[in-house]
């Protein structure tokens, strides 16, 4: 069965406040809803993960839920007007 990244991310979001209490400002390696390690930086987490890249969630544990909102701007889409229509 392939690794389910989305399931681990949903688990992280649901447990973010509790995880932040235990691992504030740390980078977590998560697989199958288990924290396998916490590290000071993302590079250390990548180097020390027991699984190959793509087989675990590497997530920074921040205090605010707003920290997980990403806004992506594409100059290409704005410049060309190539916006997807539903």
N, C-alpha and C. Protein backbone atom coordinates (compact mmCIF):
# COMPACT_ATOMS: atom_id res chain seq x y z
N UNK A 1 0.84 -1.18 0.00
CA UNK A 1 0.00 0.00 0.00
C UNK A 1 0.89 1.24 0.00
N UNK A 2 0.62 2.21 -0.88
CA UNK A 2 1.46 3.41 -0.95
C UNK A 2 1.28 4.30 0.28
N UNK A 3 2.30 5.06 0.57
CA UNK A 3 2.27 5.97 1.71
C UNK A 3 1.19 7.03 1.53
N UNK A 4 0.45 7.34 2.58
CA UNK A 4 -0.65 8.30 2.55
C UNK A 4 -0.25 9.61 3.22
N UNK A 5 0.40 10.46 2.48
CA UNK A 5 0.87 11.75 2.98
C UNK A 5 -0.29 12.62 3.47
N UNK A 6 -1.37 12.63 2.73
CA UNK A 6 -2.52 13.47 3.08
C UNK A 6 -3.09 13.09 4.45
N UNK A 7 -3.14 11.81 4.75
CA UNK A 7 -3.65 11.36 6.04
C UNK A 7 -2.76 11.87 7.19
N UNK A 8 -1.46 11.81 7.01
CA UNK A 8 -0.54 12.30 8.04
C UNK A 8 -0.66 13.82 8.20
N UNK A 9 -0.86 14.53 7.09
CA UNK A 9 -1.00 15.98 7.20
C UNK A 9 -2.30 16.35 7.92
N UNK A 10 -3.39 15.65 7.62
CA UNK A 10 -4.65 15.90 8.33
C UNK A 10 -4.47 15.62 9.82
N UNK A 11 -3.76 14.54 10.17
CA UNK A 11 -3.50 14.22 11.57
C UNK A 11 -2.68 15.33 12.22
N UNK A 12 -1.66 15.81 11.52
CA UNK A 12 -0.85 16.91 12.05
C UNK A 12 -1.71 18.14 12.33
N UNK A 13 -2.54 18.53 11.37
CA UNK A 13 -3.37 19.71 11.56
C UNK A 13 -4.35 19.53 12.72
N UNK A 14 -4.92 18.34 12.85
CA UNK A 14 -5.88 18.07 13.93
C UNK A 14 -5.21 18.10 15.30
N UNK A 15 -3.92 17.78 15.36
CA UNK A 15 -3.18 17.69 16.62
C UNK A 15 -2.12 18.77 16.79
N UNK A 16 -2.19 19.81 15.94
CA UNK A 16 -1.15 20.83 15.90
C UNK A 16 -0.91 21.49 17.26
N UNK A 17 -1.97 21.85 17.98
CA UNK A 17 -1.79 22.55 19.26
C UNK A 17 -1.05 21.67 20.26
N UNK A 18 -1.43 20.41 20.36
CA UNK A 18 -0.75 19.49 21.28
C UNK A 18 0.69 19.24 20.84
N UNK A 19 0.89 19.07 19.55
CA UNK A 19 2.25 18.85 19.04
C UNK A 19 3.13 20.07 19.30
N UNK A 20 2.54 21.26 19.17
CA UNK A 20 3.32 22.47 19.41
C UNK A 20 3.76 22.56 20.88
N UNK A 21 2.92 22.09 21.79
CA UNK A 21 3.31 22.08 23.20
C UNK A 21 4.53 21.19 23.44
N UNK A 22 4.61 20.09 22.71
CA UNK A 22 5.73 19.16 22.88
C UNK A 22 6.94 19.50 22.02
N UNK A 23 6.68 20.06 20.81
CA UNK A 23 7.76 20.29 19.84
C UNK A 23 7.70 21.71 19.26
N UNK A 24 7.76 22.76 20.09
CA UNK A 24 7.63 24.11 19.55
C UNK A 24 8.79 24.48 18.62
N UNK A 25 8.40 25.02 17.46
CA UNK A 25 9.38 25.53 16.48
C UNK A 25 10.34 24.45 15.98
N UNK A 26 9.94 23.20 16.01
CA UNK A 26 10.78 22.09 15.56
C UNK A 26 10.26 21.55 14.23
N UNK A 27 11.11 20.86 13.51
CA UNK A 27 10.73 20.17 12.28
C UNK A 27 10.46 18.71 12.63
N UNK A 28 9.25 18.25 12.31
CA UNK A 28 8.84 16.91 12.68
C UNK A 28 8.87 15.97 11.49
N UNK A 29 9.33 14.75 11.72
CA UNK A 29 9.23 13.67 10.75
C UNK A 29 8.08 12.80 11.23
N UNK A 30 7.02 12.72 10.41
CA UNK A 30 5.80 12.01 10.78
C UNK A 30 5.50 10.95 9.74
N UNK A 31 5.14 9.77 10.23
CA UNK A 31 4.69 8.70 9.33
C UNK A 31 3.65 7.87 10.08
N UNK A 32 2.55 7.60 9.41
CA UNK A 32 1.46 6.80 9.98
C UNK A 32 0.99 7.36 11.33
N UNK A 33 0.88 8.70 11.37
CA UNK A 33 0.37 9.41 12.56
C UNK A 33 1.25 9.24 13.79
N UNK A 34 2.54 9.07 13.58
CA UNK A 34 3.52 8.94 14.66
C UNK A 34 4.67 9.91 14.39
N UNK A 35 5.06 10.68 15.40
CA UNK A 35 6.24 11.54 15.27
C UNK A 35 7.47 10.67 15.48
N UNK A 36 8.24 10.51 14.41
CA UNK A 36 9.44 9.66 14.45
C UNK A 36 10.67 10.41 14.92
N UNK A 37 10.63 11.74 14.81
CA UNK A 37 11.77 12.54 15.23
C UNK A 37 11.45 14.01 15.16
N UNK A 38 12.15 14.81 15.94
CA UNK A 38 12.02 16.26 15.86
C UNK A 38 13.42 16.85 15.79
N UNK A 39 13.53 17.88 14.95
CA UNK A 39 14.85 18.44 14.63
C UNK A 39 14.80 19.96 14.62
N UNK A 40 15.94 20.57 14.83
CA UNK A 40 16.04 22.03 14.87
C UNK A 40 15.87 22.66 13.49
N UNK A 41 16.22 21.93 12.44
CA UNK A 41 16.10 22.48 11.09
C UNK A 41 15.69 21.38 10.11
N UNK A 42 15.23 21.81 8.95
CA UNK A 42 14.72 20.85 7.96
C UNK A 42 15.83 19.96 7.40
N UNK A 43 17.02 20.50 7.26
CA UNK A 43 18.13 19.71 6.72
C UNK A 43 18.47 18.54 7.65
N UNK A 44 18.51 18.78 8.93
CA UNK A 44 18.78 17.71 9.89
C UNK A 44 17.69 16.64 9.82
N UNK A 45 16.45 17.08 9.68
CA UNK A 45 15.34 16.12 9.57
C UNK A 45 15.49 15.27 8.32
N UNK A 46 15.84 15.90 7.20
CA UNK A 46 16.02 15.15 5.95
C UNK A 46 17.17 14.14 6.07
N UNK A 47 18.25 14.54 6.69
CA UNK A 47 19.42 13.66 6.82
C UNK A 47 19.18 12.49 7.76
N UNK A 48 18.32 12.67 8.75
CA UNK A 48 18.16 11.65 9.79
C UNK A 48 16.88 10.83 9.70
N UNK A 49 16.04 11.10 8.71
CA UNK A 49 14.80 10.34 8.59
C UNK A 49 15.10 8.88 8.29
N UNK A 50 14.37 7.96 8.93
CA UNK A 50 14.59 6.54 8.67
C UNK A 50 13.94 6.05 7.37
N UNK A 51 13.22 6.94 6.68
CA UNK A 51 12.53 6.56 5.44
C UNK A 51 13.06 7.38 4.27
N UNK A 52 12.91 6.87 3.05
CA UNK A 52 13.32 7.64 1.88
C UNK A 52 12.44 8.87 1.68
N UNK A 53 12.97 9.87 1.04
CA UNK A 53 12.23 11.08 0.74
C UNK A 53 10.93 10.73 0.01
N UNK A 54 9.84 11.32 0.46
CA UNK A 54 8.54 11.04 -0.14
C UNK A 54 7.76 9.97 0.60
N UNK A 55 8.39 9.36 1.59
CA UNK A 55 7.73 8.29 2.35
C UNK A 55 7.39 8.72 3.78
N UNK A 56 7.37 10.03 4.01
CA UNK A 56 7.04 10.58 5.33
C UNK A 56 6.67 12.05 5.16
N UNK A 57 6.06 12.61 6.19
CA UNK A 57 5.75 14.03 6.20
C UNK A 57 6.83 14.75 6.99
N UNK A 58 7.42 15.76 6.40
CA UNK A 58 8.36 16.64 7.10
C UNK A 58 7.63 17.96 7.29
N UNK A 59 7.33 18.30 8.54
CA UNK A 59 6.47 19.46 8.82
C UNK A 59 7.05 20.31 9.93
N UNK A 60 7.18 21.61 9.67
CA UNK A 60 7.58 22.53 10.73
C UNK A 60 6.40 22.73 11.67
N UNK A 61 6.65 22.70 12.95
CA UNK A 61 5.60 22.81 13.97
C UNK A 61 5.59 24.23 14.54
N UNK A 62 4.67 25.04 14.04
CA UNK A 62 4.58 26.44 14.44
C UNK A 62 3.36 26.66 15.32
N UNK A 63 3.35 27.75 16.06
CA UNK A 63 2.30 28.00 17.04
C UNK A 63 0.98 28.48 16.49
N UNK A 64 0.97 29.07 15.33
CA UNK A 64 -0.25 29.66 14.78
C UNK A 64 -0.79 28.85 13.61
N UNK A 65 -2.09 28.56 13.59
CA UNK A 65 -2.65 27.85 12.45
C UNK A 65 -2.51 28.64 11.15
N UNK A 66 -2.45 29.97 11.25
CA UNK A 66 -2.30 30.80 10.06
C UNK A 66 -0.94 30.58 9.38
N UNK A 67 0.01 30.04 10.11
CA UNK A 67 1.33 29.79 9.55
C UNK A 67 1.29 28.71 8.46
N UNK A 68 0.19 27.97 8.38
CA UNK A 68 0.10 26.89 7.40
C UNK A 68 -0.68 27.26 6.16
N UNK A 69 -1.05 28.53 6.05
CA UNK A 69 -1.74 29.02 4.86
C UNK A 69 -0.67 29.50 3.88
N UNK A 70 -0.76 29.03 2.65
CA UNK A 70 0.20 29.45 1.63
C UNK A 70 -0.54 30.21 0.53
N UNK A 71 0.03 31.31 0.15
CA UNK A 71 -0.49 32.07 -0.98
C UNK A 71 0.54 31.99 -2.08
N UNK A 72 0.12 31.53 -3.22
CA UNK A 72 1.04 31.35 -4.34
C UNK A 72 0.63 32.32 -5.45
N UNK A 73 1.57 33.13 -5.84
CA UNK A 73 1.34 34.10 -6.90
C UNK A 73 2.14 33.69 -8.12
N UNK A 74 1.51 33.75 -9.27
CA UNK A 74 2.20 33.38 -10.50
C UNK A 74 2.24 34.58 -11.44
N UNK A 75 3.42 35.18 -11.61
CA UNK A 75 3.53 36.31 -12.54
C UNK A 75 3.11 35.93 -13.96
N UNK A 76 3.35 34.67 -14.33
CA UNK A 76 2.98 34.23 -15.68
C UNK A 76 1.48 34.32 -15.90
N UNK A 77 0.71 33.84 -14.95
CA UNK A 77 -0.74 33.87 -15.09
C UNK A 77 -1.27 35.29 -15.12
N UNK A 78 -0.70 36.17 -14.30
CA UNK A 78 -1.14 37.56 -14.28
C UNK A 78 -0.76 38.25 -15.58
N UNK A 79 0.45 38.05 -16.05
CA UNK A 79 0.94 38.72 -17.25
C UNK A 79 0.21 38.26 -18.50
N UNK A 80 -0.14 37.00 -18.59
CA UNK A 80 -0.76 36.48 -19.81
C UNK A 80 -2.28 36.43 -19.73
N UNK A 81 -2.80 36.59 -18.53
CA UNK A 81 -4.25 36.48 -18.36
C UNK A 81 -4.74 35.05 -18.45
N UNK A 82 -3.82 34.09 -18.38
CA UNK A 82 -4.17 32.66 -18.51
C UNK A 82 -4.66 32.14 -17.16
N UNK A 83 -5.90 32.46 -16.84
CA UNK A 83 -6.50 32.03 -15.58
C UNK A 83 -7.49 30.92 -15.88
N UNK A 84 -7.40 29.85 -15.11
CA UNK A 84 -8.30 28.71 -15.33
C UNK A 84 -9.75 29.11 -15.05
N UNK A 85 -10.62 28.72 -15.91
CA UNK A 85 -12.05 28.97 -15.75
C UNK A 85 -12.74 27.68 -15.35
N UNK A 86 -13.68 27.76 -14.41
CA UNK A 86 -14.43 26.57 -14.00
C UNK A 86 -15.64 26.41 -14.88
